Amino acid sequence: MNLETRMIEAINNYLDLSSLLASDLTEMLDNEDASDGWKRNYIRVVAALIEGDSFCFREMSSIGLLCEFPAITAKERKALESGIGFKAVEQIKLVLRATYKMFSLGEAPDFSGNEWSDANSFYNKRHALMHPKSLTDLEIPSEEWAKIQSGANWLIKQHFDITRLIHEKYIKSS
C-alpha cells in the first residue's frame, strides 16, 4: 500500500474514532452530576478520547516519518515509532509535540505551565482508577477534582486544536 493511501486510511480512522469518542464525552457532559461515580467515568471517557486521538496522531505522524524527516527529537521519534518505555502522560506529550512538527501546525502547546501540571494530576488519577489498590484510589476529593478537571479540559483542548489545525491546513485547502 502506498504512503498516500496509508495516510488517507489513518486520517479516516482518526476522524471516525475521534467522532465516536467525542460523542461519548458529550453524553457524559449531558448527564453530569457531582457523584464520584460520574467523576470516575468522566476521567475514563476523557482518557479514552485523549489516548485514542494520541494513537491516531502517532499513526499519522509515523507515516509522515516515511516521507520526510522533520526536526524532531530522538524521544519524539521513539514515541512515534514504538512508544515503548514511556508513561502514558509522557507519550501523549511527545506525540503532541511531534504531531505539531510533522504537520507544520505552528507552536506546540506549552508544557511548562500549571495546565500541564494539572494534566499530570489527571493522568495520576486515571492510573489510580485503572489500577486500584485500595478504596482511596477510587475516591476523588473535591480539592483534587478541580485540578483533575482542569487537566482534562487542557488535554481535550490540545487535541481539538490539532483536529482544527489539520482540518484548516489540509482538508479545507484540498
N, C-alpha and C. Protein backbone atom coordinates (compact mmCIF):
# COMPACT_ATOMS: atom_id res chain seq x y z
N MET A 1 0.85 -1.17 0.00
CA MET A 1 0.00 0.00 0.00
C MET A 1 0.90 1.23 0.00
N ASN A 2 0.60 2.20 -0.86
CA ASN A 2 1.44 3.39 -0.93
C ASN A 2 1.19 4.33 0.25
N LEU A 3 2.09 5.27 0.44
CA LEU A 3 2.02 6.15 1.61
C LEU A 3 0.77 7.03 1.61
N GLU A 4 0.38 7.50 0.44
CA GLU A 4 -0.82 8.34 0.37
C GLU A 4 -2.05 7.57 0.83
N THR A 5 -2.19 6.34 0.38
CA THR A 5 -3.33 5.52 0.78
C THR A 5 -3.28 5.23 2.28
N ARG A 6 -2.09 4.93 2.80
CA ARG A 6 -1.95 4.69 4.24
C ARG A 6 -2.33 5.93 5.05
N MET A 7 -1.93 7.11 4.56
CA MET A 7 -2.25 8.35 5.28
C MET A 7 -3.75 8.61 5.23
N ILE A 8 -4.37 8.41 4.10
CA ILE A 8 -5.82 8.62 3.99
C ILE A 8 -6.55 7.67 4.94
N GLU A 9 -6.13 6.41 4.99
CA GLU A 9 -6.75 5.45 5.91
C GLU A 9 -6.54 5.86 7.37
N ALA A 10 -5.34 6.34 7.69
CA ALA A 10 -5.04 6.77 9.06
C ALA A 10 -5.90 7.99 9.43
N ILE A 11 -6.05 8.92 8.52
CA ILE A 11 -6.87 10.11 8.78
C ILE A 11 -8.33 9.72 8.95
N ASN A 12 -8.83 8.84 8.08
CA ASN A 12 -10.22 8.39 8.19
C ASN A 12 -10.45 7.65 9.50
N ASN A 13 -9.51 6.81 9.91
CA ASN A 13 -9.63 6.13 11.19
C ASN A 13 -9.68 7.15 12.33
N TYR A 14 -8.82 8.15 12.26
CA TYR A 14 -8.80 9.19 13.27
C TYR A 14 -10.14 9.91 13.35
N LEU A 15 -10.68 10.31 12.20
CA LEU A 15 -11.95 11.05 12.17
C LEU A 15 -13.09 10.20 12.74
N ASP A 16 -13.12 8.92 12.38
CA ASP A 16 -14.18 8.04 12.88
C ASP A 16 -14.04 7.80 14.38
N LEU A 17 -12.84 7.47 14.81
CA LEU A 17 -12.60 7.19 16.23
C LEU A 17 -12.84 8.42 17.08
N SER A 18 -12.31 9.54 16.65
CA SER A 18 -12.45 10.78 17.40
C SER A 18 -13.91 11.19 17.52
N SER A 19 -14.66 11.02 16.44
CA SER A 19 -16.07 11.38 16.45
C SER A 19 -16.84 10.55 17.48
N LEU A 20 -16.61 9.24 17.50
CA LEU A 20 -17.31 8.38 18.45
C LEU A 20 -16.91 8.71 19.89
N LEU A 21 -15.60 8.89 20.13
CA LEU A 21 -15.15 9.20 21.49
C LEU A 21 -15.63 10.57 21.95
N ALA A 22 -15.70 11.53 21.03
CA ALA A 22 -16.23 12.86 21.38
C ALA A 22 -17.72 12.77 21.72
N SER A 23 -18.45 11.90 21.02
CA SER A 23 -19.87 11.75 21.35
C SER A 23 -20.04 11.11 22.72
N ASP A 24 -19.14 10.20 23.10
CA ASP A 24 -19.16 9.65 24.46
C ASP A 24 -18.97 10.75 25.49
N LEU A 25 -18.03 11.66 25.22
CA LEU A 25 -17.78 12.77 26.13
C LEU A 25 -19.00 13.68 26.21
N THR A 26 -19.60 13.98 25.08
CA THR A 26 -20.80 14.83 25.07
C THR A 26 -21.92 14.19 25.89
N GLU A 27 -22.10 12.90 25.74
CA GLU A 27 -23.12 12.20 26.52
C GLU A 27 -22.82 12.28 28.01
N MET A 28 -21.55 12.13 28.38
CA MET A 28 -21.18 12.26 29.79
C MET A 28 -21.53 13.66 30.31
N LEU A 29 -21.17 14.67 29.54
CA LEU A 29 -21.40 16.05 29.97
C LEU A 29 -22.88 16.39 30.03
N ASP A 30 -23.68 15.78 29.14
CA ASP A 30 -25.13 16.00 29.17
C ASP A 30 -25.78 15.41 30.41
N ASN A 31 -25.11 14.47 31.04
CA ASN A 31 -25.65 13.80 32.23
C ASN A 31 -24.79 14.04 33.46
N GLU A 32 -24.14 15.18 33.50
CA GLU A 32 -23.20 15.48 34.58
C GLU A 32 -23.90 15.52 35.94
N ASP A 33 -23.22 14.96 36.92
CA ASP A 33 -23.65 15.12 38.31
C ASP A 33 -22.40 15.18 39.19
N ALA A 34 -22.61 15.36 40.46
CA ALA A 34 -21.48 15.59 41.38
C ALA A 34 -20.98 14.31 42.04
N SER A 35 -21.49 13.16 41.65
CA SER A 35 -21.10 11.92 42.32
C SER A 35 -19.69 11.48 41.92
N ASP A 36 -19.06 10.76 42.81
CA ASP A 36 -17.74 10.21 42.49
C ASP A 36 -17.83 9.21 41.34
N GLY A 37 -18.94 8.48 41.25
CA GLY A 37 -19.12 7.55 40.14
C GLY A 37 -19.09 8.26 38.80
N TRP A 38 -19.80 9.40 38.72
CA TRP A 38 -19.78 10.17 37.47
C TRP A 38 -18.37 10.68 37.20
N LYS A 39 -17.68 11.17 38.21
CA LYS A 39 -16.32 11.70 38.03
C LYS A 39 -15.37 10.61 37.55
N ARG A 40 -15.47 9.41 38.13
CA ARG A 40 -14.61 8.31 37.69
C ARG A 40 -14.87 7.97 36.23
N ASN A 41 -16.14 7.91 35.85
CA ASN A 41 -16.48 7.61 34.45
C ASN A 41 -16.05 8.73 33.51
N TYR A 42 -16.15 9.97 33.95
CA TYR A 42 -15.69 11.11 33.16
C TYR A 42 -14.19 10.98 32.88
N ILE A 43 -13.42 10.67 33.92
CA ILE A 43 -11.98 10.50 33.75
C ILE A 43 -11.70 9.38 32.74
N ARG A 44 -12.41 8.29 32.84
CA ARG A 44 -12.21 7.17 31.90
C ARG A 44 -12.56 7.57 30.47
N VAL A 45 -13.65 8.30 30.29
CA VAL A 45 -14.07 8.73 28.94
C VAL A 45 -13.06 9.71 28.36
N VAL A 46 -12.61 10.67 29.16
CA VAL A 46 -11.62 11.63 28.66
C VAL A 46 -10.31 10.92 28.33
N ALA A 47 -9.88 10.00 29.19
CA ALA A 47 -8.65 9.26 28.92
C ALA A 47 -8.76 8.47 27.62
N ALA A 48 -9.91 7.85 27.38
CA ALA A 48 -10.10 7.10 26.13
C ALA A 48 -10.01 8.05 24.92
N LEU A 49 -10.61 9.22 25.04
CA LEU A 49 -10.55 10.21 23.95
C LEU A 49 -9.11 10.64 23.70
N ILE A 50 -8.41 11.02 24.74
CA ILE A 50 -7.04 11.51 24.60
C ILE A 50 -6.13 10.40 24.07
N GLU A 51 -6.24 9.22 24.63
CA GLU A 51 -5.37 8.12 24.21
C GLU A 51 -5.72 7.63 22.81
N GLY A 52 -7.00 7.62 22.45
CA GLY A 52 -7.39 7.25 21.09
C GLY A 52 -6.88 8.26 20.08
N ASP A 53 -7.08 9.55 20.38
CA ASP A 53 -6.56 10.60 19.49
C ASP A 53 -5.04 10.52 19.39
N SER A 54 -4.39 10.34 20.53
CA SER A 54 -2.93 10.28 20.55
C SER A 54 -2.42 9.11 19.69
N PHE A 55 -3.09 7.96 19.77
CA PHE A 55 -2.72 6.83 18.93
C PHE A 55 -2.84 7.20 17.45
N CYS A 56 -3.94 7.84 17.10
CA CYS A 56 -4.16 8.23 15.70
C CYS A 56 -3.13 9.26 15.25
N PHE A 57 -2.83 10.25 16.11
CA PHE A 57 -1.80 11.24 15.77
C PHE A 57 -0.47 10.53 15.55
N ARG A 58 -0.19 9.55 16.40
CA ARG A 58 1.05 8.78 16.29
C ARG A 58 1.10 8.03 14.97
N GLU A 59 -0.01 7.40 14.60
CA GLU A 59 -0.07 6.67 13.33
C GLU A 59 0.15 7.60 12.14
N MET A 60 -0.56 8.74 12.13
CA MET A 60 -0.42 9.68 11.01
C MET A 60 1.00 10.23 10.95
N SER A 61 1.56 10.58 12.10
CA SER A 61 2.90 11.14 12.13
C SER A 61 3.96 10.12 11.76
N SER A 62 3.76 8.86 12.16
CA SER A 62 4.74 7.83 11.81
C SER A 62 4.76 7.58 10.31
N ILE A 63 3.62 7.72 9.65
CA ILE A 63 3.59 7.64 8.18
C ILE A 63 4.37 8.82 7.61
N GLY A 64 4.18 9.99 8.23
CA GLY A 64 4.94 11.17 7.79
C GLY A 64 6.44 10.98 7.91
N LEU A 65 6.88 10.21 8.90
CA LEU A 65 8.32 9.94 9.05
C LEU A 65 8.88 9.21 7.83
N LEU A 66 8.04 8.44 7.16
CA LEU A 66 8.49 7.71 5.97
C LEU A 66 8.64 8.63 4.77
N CYS A 67 8.00 9.79 4.83
CA CYS A 67 8.03 10.74 3.70
C CYS A 67 9.19 11.72 3.82
N GLU A 68 9.39 12.23 5.01
CA GLU A 68 10.43 13.23 5.23
C GLU A 68 10.87 13.15 6.68
N PHE A 69 11.95 13.79 6.98
CA PHE A 69 12.49 13.74 8.33
C PHE A 69 12.54 15.14 8.92
N PRO A 70 11.43 15.57 9.51
CA PRO A 70 11.43 16.90 10.13
C PRO A 70 12.30 16.89 11.38
N ALA A 71 12.55 18.05 11.89
CA ALA A 71 13.40 18.20 13.07
C ALA A 71 12.61 17.81 14.32
N ILE A 72 12.63 16.52 14.63
CA ILE A 72 12.02 16.07 15.87
C ILE A 72 13.11 15.44 16.72
N THR A 73 12.89 15.42 18.02
CA THR A 73 13.90 14.88 18.92
C THR A 73 13.91 13.35 18.85
N ALA A 74 14.98 12.76 19.37
CA ALA A 74 15.08 11.30 19.40
C ALA A 74 13.95 10.70 20.24
N LYS A 75 13.58 11.36 21.34
CA LYS A 75 12.48 10.85 22.17
C LYS A 75 11.15 10.94 21.42
N GLU A 76 10.93 12.03 20.67
CA GLU A 76 9.70 12.16 19.89
C GLU A 76 9.64 11.06 18.83
N ARG A 77 10.77 10.80 18.18
CA ARG A 77 10.82 9.75 17.16
C ARG A 77 10.50 8.39 17.79
N LYS A 78 11.09 8.12 18.96
CA LYS A 78 10.82 6.85 19.64
C LYS A 78 9.34 6.74 20.02
N ALA A 79 8.76 7.85 20.48
CA ALA A 79 7.35 7.85 20.84
C ALA A 79 6.48 7.54 19.63
N LEU A 80 6.85 8.05 18.46
CA LEU A 80 6.09 7.79 17.24
C LEU A 80 6.30 6.37 16.73
N GLU A 81 7.53 5.90 16.82
CA GLU A 81 7.85 4.59 16.24
C GLU A 81 7.39 3.41 17.10
N SER A 82 7.52 3.55 18.43
CA SER A 82 7.14 2.40 19.27
C SER A 82 6.36 2.80 20.51
N GLY A 83 6.71 3.91 21.11
CA GLY A 83 6.06 4.33 22.34
C GLY A 83 6.49 3.53 23.56
N ILE A 84 7.33 2.56 23.36
CA ILE A 84 7.76 1.69 24.46
C ILE A 84 8.70 2.46 25.37
N GLY A 85 8.46 2.32 26.67
CA GLY A 85 9.34 2.92 27.65
C GLY A 85 8.85 4.26 28.19
N PHE A 86 7.68 4.70 27.76
CA PHE A 86 7.15 5.98 28.23
C PHE A 86 5.88 5.75 29.04
N LYS A 87 5.71 6.53 30.10
CA LYS A 87 4.43 6.55 30.79
C LYS A 87 3.42 7.20 29.86
N ALA A 88 2.14 6.93 30.09
CA ALA A 88 1.09 7.44 29.20
C ALA A 88 1.16 8.95 29.02
N VAL A 89 1.34 9.68 30.11
CA VAL A 89 1.34 11.14 30.03
C VAL A 89 2.56 11.65 29.25
N GLU A 90 3.71 11.00 29.39
CA GLU A 90 4.90 11.39 28.63
C GLU A 90 4.72 11.08 27.15
N GLN A 91 4.12 9.93 26.86
CA GLN A 91 3.84 9.54 25.47
C GLN A 91 2.94 10.58 24.81
N ILE A 92 1.91 11.01 25.53
CA ILE A 92 0.98 12.00 24.98
C ILE A 92 1.70 13.31 24.71
N LYS A 93 2.53 13.74 25.62
CA LYS A 93 3.29 14.98 25.44
C LYS A 93 4.19 14.88 24.21
N LEU A 94 4.94 13.80 24.09
CA LEU A 94 5.86 13.65 22.96
C LEU A 94 5.11 13.55 21.63
N VAL A 95 4.00 12.84 21.61
CA VAL A 95 3.22 12.71 20.38
C VAL A 95 2.59 14.05 19.99
N LEU A 96 2.09 14.81 20.98
CA LEU A 96 1.56 16.14 20.67
C LEU A 96 2.62 17.01 20.04
N ARG A 97 3.80 17.06 20.67
CA ARG A 97 4.88 17.90 20.12
C ARG A 97 5.27 17.44 18.73
N ALA A 98 5.43 16.15 18.55
CA ALA A 98 5.84 15.63 17.23
C ALA A 98 4.77 15.88 16.18
N THR A 99 3.50 15.76 16.54
CA THR A 99 2.42 15.99 15.58
C THR A 99 2.43 17.44 15.11
N TYR A 100 2.63 18.37 16.02
CA TYR A 100 2.73 19.78 15.61
C TYR A 100 3.86 19.96 14.61
N LYS A 101 4.99 19.31 14.86
CA LYS A 101 6.14 19.44 13.95
C LYS A 101 5.89 18.72 12.63
N MET A 102 5.38 17.49 12.69
CA MET A 102 5.20 16.69 11.47
C MET A 102 4.23 17.35 10.50
N PHE A 103 3.20 17.99 11.03
CA PHE A 103 2.18 18.60 10.17
C PHE A 103 2.34 20.11 10.06
N SER A 104 3.46 20.64 10.55
CA SER A 104 3.75 22.08 10.48
C SER A 104 2.55 22.90 10.97
N LEU A 105 2.12 22.63 12.20
CA LEU A 105 0.93 23.28 12.74
C LEU A 105 1.23 24.51 13.57
N GLY A 106 2.47 24.92 13.64
CA GLY A 106 2.83 26.09 14.43
C GLY A 106 3.41 25.68 15.77
N GLU A 107 3.26 26.57 16.74
CA GLU A 107 3.81 26.33 18.07
C GLU A 107 3.08 25.19 18.77
N ALA A 108 3.86 24.27 19.31
CA ALA A 108 3.29 23.18 20.11
C ALA A 108 2.80 23.75 21.44
N PRO A 109 1.93 23.03 22.12
CA PRO A 109 1.44 23.50 23.42
C PRO A 109 2.59 23.74 24.40
N ASP A 110 2.33 24.59 25.37
CA ASP A 110 3.30 24.89 26.42
C ASP A 110 3.17 23.83 27.52
N PHE A 111 4.23 23.09 27.73
CA PHE A 111 4.21 22.03 28.74
C PHE A 111 4.90 22.46 30.03
N SER A 112 5.13 23.75 30.20
CA SER A 112 5.84 24.21 31.40
C SER A 112 4.92 24.86 32.42
N GLY A 113 3.65 25.00 32.10
CA GLY A 113 2.75 25.75 32.99
C GLY A 113 1.90 24.88 33.90
N ASN A 114 1.01 25.55 34.62
CA ASN A 114 0.10 24.88 35.54
C ASN A 114 -0.82 23.91 34.82
N GLU A 115 -1.18 24.21 33.58
CA GLU A 115 -2.09 23.34 32.84
C GLU A 115 -1.49 21.95 32.66
N TRP A 116 -0.19 21.90 32.34
CA TRP A 116 0.47 20.60 32.17
C TRP A 116 0.58 19.88 33.51
N SER A 117 0.80 20.63 34.57
CA SER A 117 0.81 20.04 35.92
C SER A 117 -0.56 19.43 36.23
N ASP A 118 -1.62 20.15 35.86
CA ASP A 118 -2.98 19.63 36.06
C ASP A 118 -3.23 18.39 35.20
N ALA A 119 -2.69 18.40 33.98
CA ALA A 119 -2.82 17.23 33.10
C ALA A 119 -2.14 16.02 33.74
N ASN A 120 -1.01 16.24 34.40
CA ASN A 120 -0.35 15.15 35.12
C ASN A 120 -1.21 14.65 36.27
N SER A 121 -1.88 15.57 36.97
CA SER A 121 -2.80 15.17 38.04
C SER A 121 -3.93 14.31 37.49
N PHE A 122 -4.46 14.72 36.33
CA PHE A 122 -5.49 13.93 35.66
C PHE A 122 -4.98 12.51 35.39
N TYR A 123 -3.77 12.41 34.83
CA TYR A 123 -3.24 11.08 34.50
C TYR A 123 -2.85 10.27 35.72
N ASN A 124 -2.44 10.91 36.78
CA ASN A 124 -2.18 10.17 38.02
C ASN A 124 -3.46 9.55 38.54
N LYS A 125 -4.55 10.30 38.49
CA LYS A 125 -5.84 9.76 38.95
C LYS A 125 -6.34 8.69 37.98
N ARG A 126 -6.16 8.90 36.70
CA ARG A 126 -6.55 7.89 35.71
C ARG A 126 -5.82 6.58 36.01
N HIS A 127 -4.53 6.67 36.30
CA HIS A 127 -3.73 5.48 36.61
C HIS A 127 -4.29 4.79 37.87
N ALA A 128 -4.59 5.58 38.89
CA ALA A 128 -5.14 5.00 40.12
C ALA A 128 -6.49 4.33 39.87
N LEU A 129 -7.31 4.93 39.02
CA LEU A 129 -8.62 4.35 38.71
C LEU A 129 -8.49 3.05 37.90
N MET A 130 -7.53 3.00 37.01
CA MET A 130 -7.37 1.83 36.16
C MET A 130 -6.62 0.70 36.86
N HIS A 131 -5.86 1.04 37.91
CA HIS A 131 -5.07 0.05 38.65
C HIS A 131 -5.25 0.26 40.15
N PRO A 132 -6.50 0.18 40.63
CA PRO A 132 -6.75 0.48 42.04
C PRO A 132 -6.14 -0.56 42.97
N LYS A 133 -5.59 -0.07 44.07
CA LYS A 133 -5.03 -0.94 45.11
C LYS A 133 -5.85 -0.87 46.38
N SER A 134 -6.61 0.21 46.53
CA SER A 134 -7.45 0.39 47.71
C SER A 134 -8.60 1.33 47.34
N LEU A 135 -9.53 1.47 48.26
CA LEU A 135 -10.66 2.37 48.02
C LEU A 135 -10.22 3.82 47.83
N THR A 136 -9.14 4.22 48.47
CA THR A 136 -8.68 5.61 48.31
C THR A 136 -8.28 5.91 46.87
N ASP A 137 -7.85 4.88 46.13
CA ASP A 137 -7.52 5.09 44.71
C ASP A 137 -8.75 5.47 43.91
N LEU A 138 -9.92 5.07 44.38
CA LEU A 138 -11.17 5.33 43.67
C LEU A 138 -11.90 6.58 44.14
N GLU A 139 -11.41 7.17 45.21
CA GLU A 139 -12.03 8.39 45.74
C GLU A 139 -11.51 9.61 44.99
N ILE A 140 -12.37 10.61 44.88
CA ILE A 140 -11.98 11.85 44.20
C ILE A 140 -12.39 13.02 45.11
N PRO A 141 -11.48 13.42 46.01
CA PRO A 141 -11.80 14.55 46.90
C PRO A 141 -12.04 15.82 46.09
N SER A 142 -12.93 16.68 46.60
CA SER A 142 -13.30 17.89 45.85
C SER A 142 -12.09 18.78 45.59
N GLU A 143 -11.15 18.85 46.52
CA GLU A 143 -9.96 19.69 46.29
C GLU A 143 -9.08 19.13 45.18
N GLU A 144 -9.12 17.83 44.96
CA GLU A 144 -8.36 17.20 43.87
C GLU A 144 -9.11 17.30 42.54
N TRP A 145 -10.44 17.30 42.60
CA TRP A 145 -11.27 17.31 41.40
C TRP A 145 -11.01 18.54 40.53
N ALA A 146 -10.83 19.70 41.13
CA ALA A 146 -10.61 20.92 40.34
C ALA A 146 -9.37 20.79 39.46
N LYS A 147 -8.27 20.26 40.00
CA LYS A 147 -7.05 20.07 39.21
C LYS A 147 -7.24 19.01 38.14
N ILE A 148 -7.92 17.92 38.49
CA ILE A 148 -8.16 16.84 37.54
C ILE A 148 -8.99 17.35 36.37
N GLN A 149 -10.06 18.09 36.69
CA GLN A 149 -10.94 18.61 35.64
C GLN A 149 -10.21 19.65 34.78
N SER A 150 -9.39 20.49 35.41
CA SER A 150 -8.59 21.46 34.66
C SER A 150 -7.63 20.75 33.71
N GLY A 151 -6.98 19.70 34.20
CA GLY A 151 -6.06 18.93 33.35
C GLY A 151 -6.78 18.26 32.20
N ALA A 152 -7.96 17.69 32.48
CA ALA A 152 -8.75 17.05 31.43
C ALA A 152 -9.14 18.08 30.37
N ASN A 153 -9.61 19.24 30.81
CA ASN A 153 -10.01 20.29 29.86
C ASN A 153 -8.85 20.75 29.00
N TRP A 154 -7.67 20.89 29.61
CA TRP A 154 -6.48 21.32 28.85
C TRP A 154 -6.12 20.27 27.81
N LEU A 155 -6.12 18.99 28.19
CA LEU A 155 -5.79 17.92 27.24
C LEU A 155 -6.80 17.86 26.10
N ILE A 156 -8.08 17.97 26.43
CA ILE A 156 -9.12 17.96 25.39
C ILE A 156 -8.89 19.12 24.43
N LYS A 157 -8.61 20.30 24.96
CA LYS A 157 -8.38 21.47 24.11
C LYS A 157 -7.20 21.23 23.17
N GLN A 158 -6.12 20.66 23.67
CA GLN A 158 -4.94 20.43 22.82
C GLN A 158 -5.29 19.50 21.66
N HIS A 159 -6.04 18.47 21.95
CA HIS A 159 -6.40 17.51 20.90
C HIS A 159 -7.40 18.10 19.91
N PHE A 160 -8.36 18.86 20.40
CA PHE A 160 -9.30 19.51 19.49
C PHE A 160 -8.60 20.59 18.65
N ASP A 161 -7.61 21.26 19.23
CA ASP A 161 -6.83 22.24 18.46
C ASP A 161 -6.10 21.57 17.30
N ILE A 162 -5.50 20.41 17.54
CA ILE A 162 -4.81 19.70 16.46
C ILE A 162 -5.82 19.34 15.37
N THR A 163 -6.97 18.84 15.77
CA THR A 163 -8.00 18.49 14.79
C THR A 163 -8.36 19.71 13.94
N ARG A 164 -8.59 20.83 14.60
CA ARG A 164 -8.96 22.05 13.89
C ARG A 164 -7.83 22.49 12.95
N LEU A 165 -6.60 22.49 13.44
CA LEU A 165 -5.47 22.94 12.63
C LEU A 165 -5.22 22.03 11.42
N ILE A 166 -5.31 20.72 11.62
CA ILE A 166 -5.13 19.79 10.49
C ILE A 166 -6.25 20.01 9.47
N HIS A 167 -7.46 20.18 9.96
CA HIS A 167 -8.59 20.40 9.06
C HIS A 167 -8.40 21.69 8.26
N GLU A 168 -8.03 22.77 8.96
CA GLU A 168 -7.84 24.06 8.28
C GLU A 168 -6.70 23.99 7.27
N LYS A 169 -5.62 23.32 7.62
CA LYS A 169 -4.44 23.33 6.77
C LYS A 169 -4.51 22.33 5.62
N TYR A 170 -5.08 21.16 5.87
CA TYR A 170 -5.01 20.09 4.88
C TYR A 170 -6.34 19.69 4.27
N ILE A 171 -7.42 19.81 5.00
CA ILE A 171 -8.68 19.30 4.47
C ILE A 171 -9.46 20.42 3.78
N LYS A 172 -9.57 21.58 4.40
CA LYS A 172 -10.28 22.71 3.76
C LYS A 172 -9.58 23.15 2.49
N SER A 173 -8.24 23.06 2.48
CA SER A 173 -7.49 23.57 1.33
C SER A 173 -7.48 22.59 0.15
N SER A 174 -7.95 21.36 0.35
CA SER A 174 -7.90 20.39 -0.76
C SER A 174 -9.14 20.40 -1.61
